[in-house]
N, C-alpha and C. Protein backbone atom coordinates (compact mmCIF):
# COMPACT_ATOMS: atom_id res chain seq x y z
N UNK A 1 -9.21 -7.45 27.17
CA UNK A 1 -9.29 -8.74 26.51
C UNK A 1 -7.89 -9.14 26.08
N UNK A 2 -7.59 -10.36 26.21
CA UNK A 2 -6.29 -10.89 25.84
C UNK A 2 -6.11 -10.81 24.34
N UNK A 3 -4.88 -10.48 23.90
CA UNK A 3 -4.59 -10.36 22.47
C UNK A 3 -4.82 -11.66 21.72
N UNK A 4 -4.75 -12.78 22.43
CA UNK A 4 -4.92 -14.07 21.77
C UNK A 4 -6.32 -14.23 21.17
N UNK A 5 -7.28 -13.46 21.68
CA UNK A 5 -8.65 -13.59 21.21
C UNK A 5 -9.04 -12.50 20.21
N UNK A 6 -8.09 -11.65 19.87
CA UNK A 6 -8.37 -10.57 18.94
C UNK A 6 -7.56 -10.80 17.68
N UNK A 7 -8.24 -10.93 16.56
CA UNK A 7 -7.55 -11.16 15.29
C UNK A 7 -7.33 -9.81 14.61
N UNK A 8 -6.06 -9.57 14.24
CA UNK A 8 -5.79 -8.37 13.48
C UNK A 8 -6.24 -8.61 12.05
N UNK A 9 -6.92 -7.66 11.48
CA UNK A 9 -7.47 -7.83 10.15
C UNK A 9 -6.49 -7.34 9.09
N UNK A 10 -6.09 -8.22 8.22
CA UNK A 10 -5.26 -7.82 7.09
C UNK A 10 -6.08 -7.05 6.08
N UNK A 11 -7.39 -7.23 6.09
CA UNK A 11 -8.24 -6.54 5.13
C UNK A 11 -8.18 -5.03 5.31
N UNK A 12 -8.02 -4.56 6.54
CA UNK A 12 -7.91 -3.13 6.77
C UNK A 12 -6.68 -2.58 6.06
N UNK A 13 -5.56 -3.30 6.12
CA UNK A 13 -4.35 -2.87 5.45
C UNK A 13 -4.56 -2.85 3.94
N UNK A 14 -5.22 -3.88 3.43
CA UNK A 14 -5.49 -3.94 2.00
C UNK A 14 -6.40 -2.78 1.58
N UNK A 15 -7.40 -2.48 2.42
CA UNK A 15 -8.30 -1.37 2.11
C UNK A 15 -7.55 -0.05 2.10
N UNK A 16 -6.61 0.13 3.07
CA UNK A 16 -5.82 1.36 3.12
C UNK A 16 -4.96 1.48 1.87
N UNK A 17 -4.33 0.39 1.45
CA UNK A 17 -3.49 0.41 0.26
C UNK A 17 -4.33 0.69 -0.98
N UNK A 18 -5.49 0.07 -1.09
CA UNK A 18 -6.37 0.28 -2.23
C UNK A 18 -6.86 1.73 -2.27
N UNK A 19 -7.16 2.28 -1.10
CA UNK A 19 -7.60 3.66 -1.02
C UNK A 19 -6.48 4.61 -1.46
N UNK A 20 -5.26 4.36 -1.01
CA UNK A 20 -4.13 5.19 -1.41
C UNK A 20 -3.91 5.13 -2.91
N UNK A 21 -4.02 3.92 -3.46
CA UNK A 21 -3.86 3.75 -4.90
C UNK A 21 -4.96 4.47 -5.66
N UNK A 22 -6.18 4.35 -5.19
CA UNK A 22 -7.31 4.98 -5.86
C UNK A 22 -7.22 6.50 -5.79
N UNK A 23 -6.75 7.04 -4.69
CA UNK A 23 -6.66 8.49 -4.55
C UNK A 23 -5.55 9.07 -5.41
N UNK A 24 -4.46 8.34 -5.58
CA UNK A 24 -3.32 8.88 -6.27
C UNK A 24 -3.45 8.80 -7.79
N UNK A 25 -4.09 7.79 -8.30
CA UNK A 25 -4.20 7.60 -9.74
C UNK A 25 -5.63 7.93 -10.17
N UNK A 26 -5.77 8.84 -11.13
CA UNK A 26 -7.13 9.16 -11.59
C UNK A 26 -7.84 7.92 -12.12
N UNK A 27 -9.13 7.86 -11.91
CA UNK A 27 -9.93 6.71 -12.35
C UNK A 27 -9.75 6.47 -13.84
N UNK A 28 -9.49 5.24 -14.18
CA UNK A 28 -9.33 4.87 -15.57
C UNK A 28 -7.96 5.16 -16.16
N UNK A 29 -7.09 5.82 -15.39
CA UNK A 29 -5.75 6.15 -15.88
C UNK A 29 -4.77 5.03 -15.52
N UNK A 30 -3.69 5.00 -16.25
CA UNK A 30 -2.65 4.02 -15.97
C UNK A 30 -1.69 4.59 -14.93
N UNK A 31 -0.98 3.71 -14.25
CA UNK A 31 0.01 4.12 -13.26
C UNK A 31 1.35 4.28 -13.99
N UNK A 32 1.52 5.42 -14.66
CA UNK A 32 2.74 5.67 -15.41
C UNK A 32 3.93 5.78 -14.48
N UNK A 33 5.06 5.25 -14.94
CA UNK A 33 6.29 5.28 -14.15
C UNK A 33 7.47 5.20 -15.11
N UNK A 34 8.58 5.83 -14.76
CA UNK A 34 9.77 5.74 -15.59
C UNK A 34 10.43 4.38 -15.37
N UNK A 35 11.22 3.91 -16.30
CA UNK A 35 11.91 2.63 -16.10
C UNK A 35 12.79 2.62 -14.84
N UNK A 36 13.44 3.73 -14.54
CA UNK A 36 14.28 3.76 -13.33
C UNK A 36 13.43 3.71 -12.07
N UNK A 37 12.26 4.35 -12.08
CA UNK A 37 11.35 4.28 -10.94
C UNK A 37 10.81 2.88 -10.75
N UNK A 38 10.50 2.23 -11.84
CA UNK A 38 10.02 0.84 -11.80
C UNK A 38 11.09 -0.06 -11.20
N UNK A 39 12.34 0.16 -11.63
CA UNK A 39 13.44 -0.66 -11.12
C UNK A 39 13.67 -0.42 -9.63
N UNK A 40 13.53 0.83 -9.16
CA UNK A 40 13.70 1.12 -7.73
C UNK A 40 12.65 0.39 -6.89
N UNK A 41 11.40 0.39 -7.36
CA UNK A 41 10.34 -0.31 -6.62
C UNK A 41 10.63 -1.81 -6.63
N UNK A 42 11.03 -2.34 -7.78
CA UNK A 42 11.34 -3.76 -7.89
C UNK A 42 12.51 -4.14 -6.97
N UNK A 43 13.54 -3.29 -6.92
CA UNK A 43 14.69 -3.54 -6.05
C UNK A 43 14.28 -3.54 -4.58
N UNK A 44 13.43 -2.59 -4.20
CA UNK A 44 12.96 -2.55 -2.81
C UNK A 44 12.17 -3.82 -2.47
N UNK A 45 11.31 -4.23 -3.39
CA UNK A 45 10.51 -5.44 -3.17
C UNK A 45 11.41 -6.66 -3.01
N UNK A 46 12.39 -6.80 -3.88
CA UNK A 46 13.31 -7.94 -3.79
C UNK A 46 14.14 -7.90 -2.51
N UNK A 47 14.54 -6.71 -2.08
CA UNK A 47 15.28 -6.56 -0.81
C UNK A 47 14.42 -7.04 0.36
N UNK A 48 13.16 -6.64 0.35
CA UNK A 48 12.25 -7.07 1.43
C UNK A 48 12.04 -8.57 1.43
N UNK A 49 11.84 -9.15 0.24
CA UNK A 49 11.55 -10.58 0.13
C UNK A 49 12.79 -11.43 0.39
N UNK A 50 13.91 -11.04 -0.19
CA UNK A 50 15.11 -11.88 -0.14
C UNK A 50 16.01 -11.65 1.07
N UNK A 51 15.97 -10.45 1.66
CA UNK A 51 16.90 -10.14 2.75
C UNK A 51 16.18 -9.81 4.05
N UNK A 52 15.36 -8.76 4.04
CA UNK A 52 14.76 -8.26 5.28
C UNK A 52 13.80 -9.27 5.92
N UNK A 53 12.88 -9.81 5.13
CA UNK A 53 11.89 -10.73 5.70
C UNK A 53 12.54 -12.00 6.26
N UNK A 54 13.44 -12.67 5.52
CA UNK A 54 14.08 -13.87 6.09
C UNK A 54 14.85 -13.58 7.38
N UNK A 55 15.48 -12.41 7.47
CA UNK A 55 16.22 -12.05 8.68
C UNK A 55 15.27 -11.88 9.87
N UNK A 56 14.15 -11.20 9.65
CA UNK A 56 13.17 -11.01 10.73
C UNK A 56 12.55 -12.36 11.12
N UNK A 57 12.26 -13.20 10.14
CA UNK A 57 11.71 -14.53 10.43
C UNK A 57 12.70 -15.32 11.29
N UNK A 58 13.98 -15.22 10.97
CA UNK A 58 15.01 -15.91 11.75
C UNK A 58 15.03 -15.41 13.20
N UNK A 59 14.93 -14.11 13.38
CA UNK A 59 14.93 -13.51 14.73
C UNK A 59 13.68 -13.94 15.49
N UNK A 60 12.52 -13.90 14.84
CA UNK A 60 11.27 -14.29 15.50
C UNK A 60 11.33 -15.77 15.89
N UNK A 61 11.86 -16.60 15.02
CA UNK A 61 11.99 -18.03 15.32
C UNK A 61 12.91 -18.24 16.54
N UNK A 62 14.02 -17.53 16.56
CA UNK A 62 14.95 -17.62 17.70
C UNK A 62 14.27 -17.13 18.98
N UNK A 63 13.57 -15.99 18.89
CA UNK A 63 12.92 -15.42 20.06
C UNK A 63 11.81 -16.34 20.57
N UNK A 64 11.08 -16.98 19.67
CA UNK A 64 10.00 -17.89 20.07
C UNK A 64 10.57 -19.11 20.79
N UNK A 65 11.77 -19.52 20.43
CA UNK A 65 12.37 -20.69 21.07
C UNK A 65 12.85 -20.40 22.48
N UNK A 66 12.86 -19.12 22.87
CA UNK A 66 13.31 -18.74 24.21
C UNK A 66 12.23 -18.90 25.28
N UNK A 67 11.05 -19.27 24.90
CA UNK A 67 10.01 -19.52 25.90
C UNK A 67 8.90 -18.50 25.85
N UNK A 68 8.55 -17.97 27.02
CA UNK A 68 7.39 -17.08 27.20
C UNK A 68 7.39 -15.94 26.18
N UNK A 69 6.43 -15.99 25.27
CA UNK A 69 6.37 -14.99 24.19
C UNK A 69 5.70 -13.70 24.64
N UNK A 70 4.91 -13.74 25.69
CA UNK A 70 4.14 -12.56 26.09
C UNK A 70 5.02 -11.42 26.59
N UNK A 71 6.18 -11.74 27.11
CA UNK A 71 7.08 -10.70 27.63
C UNK A 71 8.40 -10.69 26.87
N UNK A 72 8.43 -11.30 25.72
CA UNK A 72 9.64 -11.40 24.92
C UNK A 72 9.66 -10.27 23.90
N UNK A 73 10.45 -9.24 24.18
CA UNK A 73 10.50 -8.05 23.31
C UNK A 73 10.93 -8.37 21.90
N UNK A 74 11.93 -9.26 21.75
CA UNK A 74 12.39 -9.61 20.41
C UNK A 74 11.27 -10.26 19.61
N UNK A 75 10.50 -11.11 20.27
CA UNK A 75 9.41 -11.79 19.59
C UNK A 75 8.31 -10.80 19.20
N UNK A 76 7.91 -9.97 20.17
CA UNK A 76 6.81 -9.02 19.93
C UNK A 76 7.21 -8.01 18.85
N UNK A 77 8.41 -7.44 18.97
CA UNK A 77 8.86 -6.48 17.96
C UNK A 77 9.02 -7.17 16.61
N UNK A 78 9.58 -8.37 16.61
CA UNK A 78 9.79 -9.10 15.37
C UNK A 78 8.49 -9.38 14.64
N UNK A 79 7.46 -9.80 15.37
CA UNK A 79 6.16 -10.06 14.75
C UNK A 79 5.58 -8.77 14.16
N UNK A 80 5.73 -7.68 14.91
CA UNK A 80 5.23 -6.38 14.41
C UNK A 80 5.99 -5.98 13.14
N UNK A 81 7.31 -6.13 13.16
CA UNK A 81 8.12 -5.79 12.00
C UNK A 81 7.77 -6.69 10.81
N UNK A 82 7.49 -7.94 11.08
CA UNK A 82 7.10 -8.88 10.03
C UNK A 82 5.79 -8.44 9.37
N UNK A 83 4.83 -7.98 10.17
CA UNK A 83 3.56 -7.47 9.61
C UNK A 83 3.81 -6.24 8.75
N UNK A 84 4.71 -5.34 9.20
CA UNK A 84 5.03 -4.14 8.43
C UNK A 84 5.67 -4.51 7.09
N UNK A 85 6.60 -5.46 7.13
CA UNK A 85 7.26 -5.90 5.90
C UNK A 85 6.25 -6.53 4.96
N UNK A 86 5.39 -7.40 5.48
CA UNK A 86 4.37 -8.05 4.64
C UNK A 86 3.42 -7.02 4.03
N UNK A 87 3.05 -6.02 4.80
CA UNK A 87 2.17 -4.96 4.30
C UNK A 87 2.85 -4.21 3.16
N UNK A 88 4.14 -3.89 3.35
CA UNK A 88 4.89 -3.17 2.32
C UNK A 88 5.06 -4.04 1.07
N UNK A 89 5.30 -5.33 1.25
CA UNK A 89 5.42 -6.25 0.12
C UNK A 89 4.13 -6.27 -0.69
N UNK A 90 2.98 -6.36 0.00
CA UNK A 90 1.69 -6.35 -0.70
C UNK A 90 1.50 -5.04 -1.48
N UNK A 91 1.83 -3.91 -0.83
CA UNK A 91 1.67 -2.61 -1.47
C UNK A 91 2.56 -2.50 -2.72
N UNK A 92 3.84 -2.86 -2.59
CA UNK A 92 4.76 -2.76 -3.72
C UNK A 92 4.37 -3.71 -4.85
N UNK A 93 3.89 -4.90 -4.49
CA UNK A 93 3.45 -5.86 -5.50
C UNK A 93 2.28 -5.28 -6.30
N UNK A 94 1.33 -4.66 -5.60
CA UNK A 94 0.20 -4.03 -6.29
C UNK A 94 0.67 -2.90 -7.19
N UNK A 95 1.63 -2.12 -6.70
CA UNK A 95 2.15 -1.01 -7.50
C UNK A 95 2.83 -1.51 -8.77
N UNK A 96 3.63 -2.57 -8.63
CA UNK A 96 4.30 -3.12 -9.80
C UNK A 96 3.30 -3.73 -10.78
N UNK A 97 2.27 -4.38 -10.24
CA UNK A 97 1.25 -4.98 -11.10
C UNK A 97 0.49 -3.93 -11.90
N UNK A 98 0.27 -2.76 -11.30
CA UNK A 98 -0.49 -1.72 -11.98
C UNK A 98 0.41 -0.75 -12.74
N UNK A 99 1.72 -0.88 -12.60
CA UNK A 99 2.66 0.06 -13.23
C UNK A 99 2.66 -0.09 -14.75
N UNK A 100 2.82 1.05 -15.39
CA UNK A 100 2.92 1.11 -16.84
C UNK A 100 4.19 1.89 -17.16
N UNK A 101 5.34 1.19 -17.29
CA UNK A 101 6.60 1.90 -17.53
C UNK A 101 6.59 2.63 -18.89
N UNK A 102 7.04 3.88 -18.85
CA UNK A 102 7.12 4.71 -20.06
C UNK A 102 8.53 5.26 -20.12
N UNK A 103 9.21 5.01 -21.22
CA UNK A 103 10.58 5.50 -21.40
C UNK A 103 10.53 6.91 -21.99
N UNK A 104 10.90 7.93 -21.21
CA UNK A 104 10.83 9.30 -21.73
C UNK A 104 11.86 9.60 -22.81
N UNK A 105 12.87 8.76 -22.96
CA UNK A 105 13.90 9.03 -23.96
C UNK A 105 13.37 8.92 -25.39
N UNK A 106 12.20 8.30 -25.58
CA UNK A 106 11.62 8.22 -26.94
C UNK A 106 11.26 9.61 -27.46
N UNK A 107 11.15 10.59 -26.57
CA UNK A 107 10.82 11.97 -26.96
C UNK A 107 12.06 12.85 -27.05
N UNK A 108 13.26 12.25 -26.95
CA UNK A 108 14.49 13.04 -26.98
C UNK A 108 14.52 13.95 -28.21
N UNK A 109 14.81 15.21 -27.97
CA UNK A 109 14.86 16.19 -29.05
C UNK A 109 13.53 16.87 -29.33
N UNK A 110 12.46 16.42 -28.69
CA UNK A 110 11.14 17.00 -28.87
C UNK A 110 10.99 18.22 -27.97
N UNK A 111 10.27 19.23 -28.41
CA UNK A 111 10.07 20.42 -27.58
C UNK A 111 8.68 20.47 -26.95
N UNK A 112 7.93 19.37 -27.06
CA UNK A 112 6.60 19.30 -26.47
C UNK A 112 6.68 18.53 -25.15
N UNK A 113 5.89 18.94 -24.17
CA UNK A 113 5.93 18.35 -22.84
C UNK A 113 5.06 17.10 -22.76
N UNK A 114 5.71 15.98 -22.40
CA UNK A 114 5.03 14.72 -22.15
C UNK A 114 5.60 14.14 -20.86
N UNK A 115 5.11 12.97 -20.48
CA UNK A 115 5.60 12.28 -19.30
C UNK A 115 7.12 12.10 -19.41
N UNK A 116 7.83 12.41 -18.32
CA UNK A 116 9.27 12.23 -18.28
C UNK A 116 10.07 13.46 -18.68
N UNK A 117 9.40 14.50 -19.13
CA UNK A 117 10.09 15.72 -19.56
C UNK A 117 10.65 16.48 -18.36
N UNK A 118 11.79 17.10 -18.58
CA UNK A 118 12.33 18.07 -17.61
C UNK A 118 12.03 19.43 -18.21
N UNK A 119 11.22 20.21 -17.48
CA UNK A 119 10.71 21.47 -18.00
C UNK A 119 11.21 22.62 -17.14
N UNK A 120 11.75 23.63 -17.82
CA UNK A 120 12.12 24.87 -17.13
C UNK A 120 11.09 25.91 -17.53
N UNK A 121 10.49 26.54 -16.52
CA UNK A 121 9.45 27.53 -16.81
C UNK A 121 9.62 28.75 -15.91
N UNK A 122 9.00 29.83 -16.32
CA UNK A 122 9.02 31.10 -15.60
C UNK A 122 7.59 31.41 -15.19
N UNK A 123 7.37 31.69 -13.90
CA UNK A 123 6.00 32.02 -13.49
C UNK A 123 5.77 33.52 -13.58
N UNK A 124 4.55 33.94 -13.26
CA UNK A 124 4.17 35.35 -13.38
C UNK A 124 5.02 36.26 -12.49
N UNK A 125 5.51 35.72 -11.37
CA UNK A 125 6.33 36.50 -10.44
C UNK A 125 7.78 36.62 -10.91
N UNK A 126 8.11 35.98 -12.03
CA UNK A 126 9.46 36.05 -12.57
C UNK A 126 10.41 35.00 -12.00
N UNK A 127 9.85 34.02 -11.27
CA UNK A 127 10.68 32.96 -10.68
C UNK A 127 10.83 31.82 -11.68
N UNK A 128 12.06 31.36 -11.84
CA UNK A 128 12.33 30.26 -12.75
C UNK A 128 12.34 28.95 -11.96
N UNK A 129 11.68 27.94 -12.48
CA UNK A 129 11.61 26.62 -11.85
C UNK A 129 11.94 25.55 -12.89
N UNK A 130 12.56 24.49 -12.43
CA UNK A 130 12.82 23.33 -13.28
C UNK A 130 12.23 22.11 -12.60
N UNK A 131 11.36 21.40 -13.32
CA UNK A 131 10.71 20.21 -12.77
C UNK A 131 10.81 19.07 -13.78
N UNK A 132 10.80 17.86 -13.25
CA UNK A 132 10.74 16.67 -14.09
C UNK A 132 9.43 15.97 -13.79
N UNK A 133 8.68 15.63 -14.81
CA UNK A 133 7.37 15.00 -14.65
C UNK A 133 7.58 13.49 -14.58
N UNK A 134 7.24 12.92 -13.42
CA UNK A 134 7.47 11.49 -13.16
C UNK A 134 6.19 10.83 -12.64
N UNK A 135 6.28 9.54 -12.35
CA UNK A 135 5.15 8.80 -11.82
C UNK A 135 4.87 9.14 -10.37
N UNK A 136 3.68 8.77 -9.90
CA UNK A 136 3.28 9.11 -8.54
C UNK A 136 4.15 8.43 -7.49
N UNK A 137 4.77 7.31 -7.84
CA UNK A 137 5.63 6.61 -6.90
C UNK A 137 7.05 7.16 -6.89
N UNK A 138 7.34 8.10 -7.77
CA UNK A 138 8.69 8.64 -7.89
C UNK A 138 8.81 10.09 -7.45
N UNK A 139 7.71 10.71 -7.13
CA UNK A 139 7.75 12.14 -6.88
C UNK A 139 8.64 12.51 -5.70
N UNK A 140 9.36 13.60 -5.87
CA UNK A 140 10.25 14.15 -4.85
C UNK A 140 10.33 15.65 -5.09
N UNK A 141 9.38 16.41 -4.55
CA UNK A 141 9.31 17.85 -4.83
C UNK A 141 10.59 18.61 -4.48
N UNK A 142 11.30 18.16 -3.47
CA UNK A 142 12.53 18.85 -3.09
C UNK A 142 13.63 18.70 -4.15
N UNK A 143 13.52 17.68 -4.97
CA UNK A 143 14.48 17.47 -6.06
C UNK A 143 13.89 17.85 -7.41
N UNK A 144 12.73 18.50 -7.39
CA UNK A 144 12.11 18.96 -8.62
C UNK A 144 11.37 17.89 -9.38
N UNK A 145 11.08 16.75 -8.75
CA UNK A 145 10.33 15.69 -9.42
C UNK A 145 8.88 15.79 -8.99
N UNK A 146 8.00 16.06 -9.97
CA UNK A 146 6.58 16.21 -9.67
C UNK A 146 5.79 15.12 -10.38
N UNK A 147 4.69 14.74 -9.78
CA UNK A 147 3.83 13.70 -10.33
C UNK A 147 3.10 14.20 -11.57
N UNK A 148 2.89 13.29 -12.51
CA UNK A 148 2.19 13.65 -13.74
C UNK A 148 0.73 14.04 -13.48
N UNK A 149 0.20 13.72 -12.29
CA UNK A 149 -1.18 14.11 -11.97
C UNK A 149 -1.25 15.43 -11.21
N UNK A 150 -0.11 16.03 -10.93
CA UNK A 150 -0.10 17.30 -10.19
C UNK A 150 -0.64 18.43 -11.08
N UNK A 151 -1.17 19.48 -10.47
CA UNK A 151 -1.70 20.60 -11.26
C UNK A 151 -0.66 21.23 -12.18
N UNK A 152 0.57 21.37 -11.72
CA UNK A 152 1.62 21.98 -12.56
C UNK A 152 1.89 21.09 -13.77
N UNK A 153 2.04 19.78 -13.54
CA UNK A 153 2.32 18.86 -14.65
C UNK A 153 1.16 18.85 -15.64
N UNK A 154 -0.06 18.85 -15.14
CA UNK A 154 -1.22 18.86 -16.04
C UNK A 154 -1.28 20.13 -16.88
N UNK A 155 -0.89 21.26 -16.27
CA UNK A 155 -0.89 22.53 -17.01
C UNK A 155 0.19 22.52 -18.10
N UNK A 156 1.33 21.91 -17.80
CA UNK A 156 2.45 21.91 -18.74
C UNK A 156 2.31 20.87 -19.86
N UNK A 157 1.63 19.75 -19.58
CA UNK A 157 1.56 18.66 -20.53
C UNK A 157 0.95 19.08 -21.87
N UNK A 158 1.62 18.68 -22.92
CA UNK A 158 1.28 18.92 -24.32
C UNK A 158 1.60 20.33 -24.80
N UNK A 159 2.09 21.19 -23.93
CA UNK A 159 2.53 22.52 -24.35
C UNK A 159 3.94 22.40 -24.94
N UNK A 160 4.40 23.45 -25.60
CA UNK A 160 5.72 23.43 -26.24
C UNK A 160 6.58 24.57 -25.69
N UNK A 161 7.89 24.48 -25.98
CA UNK A 161 8.79 25.57 -25.61
C UNK A 161 8.24 26.87 -26.18
N UNK A 162 8.26 27.91 -25.35
CA UNK A 162 7.77 29.21 -25.78
C UNK A 162 6.30 29.44 -25.48
N UNK A 163 5.54 28.39 -25.22
CA UNK A 163 4.12 28.54 -24.89
C UNK A 163 3.95 29.12 -23.49
N UNK A 164 2.83 29.79 -23.29
CA UNK A 164 2.44 30.28 -21.97
C UNK A 164 1.16 29.53 -21.60
N UNK A 165 1.19 28.84 -20.47
CA UNK A 165 0.03 28.07 -20.02
C UNK A 165 -0.51 28.67 -18.73
N UNK A 166 -1.77 28.40 -18.47
CA UNK A 166 -2.38 28.90 -17.24
C UNK A 166 -2.44 27.79 -16.20
N UNK A 167 -2.08 28.16 -14.97
CA UNK A 167 -2.15 27.25 -13.84
C UNK A 167 -3.12 27.83 -12.83
N UNK A 168 -4.17 27.09 -12.54
CA UNK A 168 -5.16 27.53 -11.56
C UNK A 168 -4.67 27.15 -10.18
N UNK A 169 -4.48 28.16 -9.32
CA UNK A 169 -4.00 27.95 -7.95
C UNK A 169 -5.03 28.51 -6.98
N UNK A 170 -4.91 28.18 -5.69
CA UNK A 170 -5.83 28.77 -4.70
C UNK A 170 -5.75 30.30 -4.65
N UNK A 171 -4.62 30.86 -5.08
CA UNK A 171 -4.46 32.31 -5.07
C UNK A 171 -4.89 32.97 -6.38
N UNK A 172 -5.36 32.16 -7.31
CA UNK A 172 -5.79 32.70 -8.60
C UNK A 172 -5.07 32.00 -9.74
N UNK A 173 -5.08 32.64 -10.88
CA UNK A 173 -4.47 32.05 -12.07
C UNK A 173 -3.04 32.56 -12.20
N UNK A 174 -2.11 31.61 -12.38
CA UNK A 174 -0.71 31.94 -12.61
C UNK A 174 -0.41 31.58 -14.06
N UNK A 175 0.49 32.31 -14.68
CA UNK A 175 0.89 32.01 -16.04
C UNK A 175 2.31 31.47 -16.02
N UNK A 176 2.50 30.36 -16.71
CA UNK A 176 3.81 29.72 -16.77
C UNK A 176 4.31 29.78 -18.21
N UNK A 177 5.47 30.41 -18.39
CA UNK A 177 6.09 30.46 -19.71
C UNK A 177 7.14 29.36 -19.78
N UNK A 178 6.99 28.47 -20.74
CA UNK A 178 7.90 27.34 -20.87
C UNK A 178 9.17 27.80 -21.59
N UNK A 179 10.29 27.70 -20.87
CA UNK A 179 11.57 28.14 -21.42
C UNK A 179 12.32 27.01 -22.11
N UNK A 180 12.27 25.80 -21.54
CA UNK A 180 13.02 24.68 -22.11
C UNK A 180 12.32 23.36 -21.79
N UNK A 181 12.42 22.42 -22.71
CA UNK A 181 11.90 21.06 -22.53
C UNK A 181 13.01 20.10 -22.90
N UNK A 182 13.35 19.22 -21.99
CA UNK A 182 14.44 18.26 -22.24
C UNK A 182 13.98 16.85 -21.87
N UNK A 183 14.55 15.88 -22.58
CA UNK A 183 14.32 14.47 -22.30
C UNK A 183 15.68 13.77 -22.22
N UNK A 184 15.76 12.67 -21.48
CA UNK A 184 17.03 11.93 -21.44
C UNK A 184 17.35 11.34 -22.81
N UNK A 185 18.65 11.16 -23.05
CA UNK A 185 19.06 10.55 -24.31
C UNK A 185 18.72 9.07 -24.33
N UNK A 186 18.37 8.56 -25.51
CA UNK A 186 18.08 7.12 -25.61
C UNK A 186 19.31 6.28 -25.23
N UNK A 187 19.06 5.14 -24.62
CA UNK A 187 20.15 4.26 -24.22
C UNK A 187 20.59 3.43 -25.42
N UNK A 188 21.89 3.31 -25.56
CA UNK A 188 22.43 2.45 -26.64
C UNK A 188 22.35 1.00 -26.18
N UNK A 189 21.76 0.15 -26.98
CA UNK A 189 21.63 -1.27 -26.60
C UNK A 189 22.79 -2.07 -27.08
């Protein structure tokens, strides 16, 4: 069947985005995010809206003016790229709308673990780890940034320096001894 008679459904993309959002954030919970994470998402959204999308629209318009669109690679690729950009814009907009920025510096000097804390802990095997508890849109396990909904973050939350908490893993129960809790310094206004 010719592509002209098949409508691509944007609803499928919306459903996928909604499903991803629903899976990542516990029901009834807020989408916590640090101010810097919020700004990164906002910057990406503005880049897509102000720079990337207009450039692709310009290319698609130029390619469409060249005639036969069915065999025009610039046109076909441009339209596909435009759909990807629009999908990402919708996703980021939803994320920003549901975001609840939390400044971790308000806990500076506190020894209790809350959102935004950088925690150094020792596991039962004697391995020392340092993690920062961040929002689901900011996680980067290779850099020690874990989501506040992760099992490790949930085990550490509300504990204090010197406490030993239990972490339930597929291999059994691990004990984590909290060695240090740090927060960023408040910004001078």
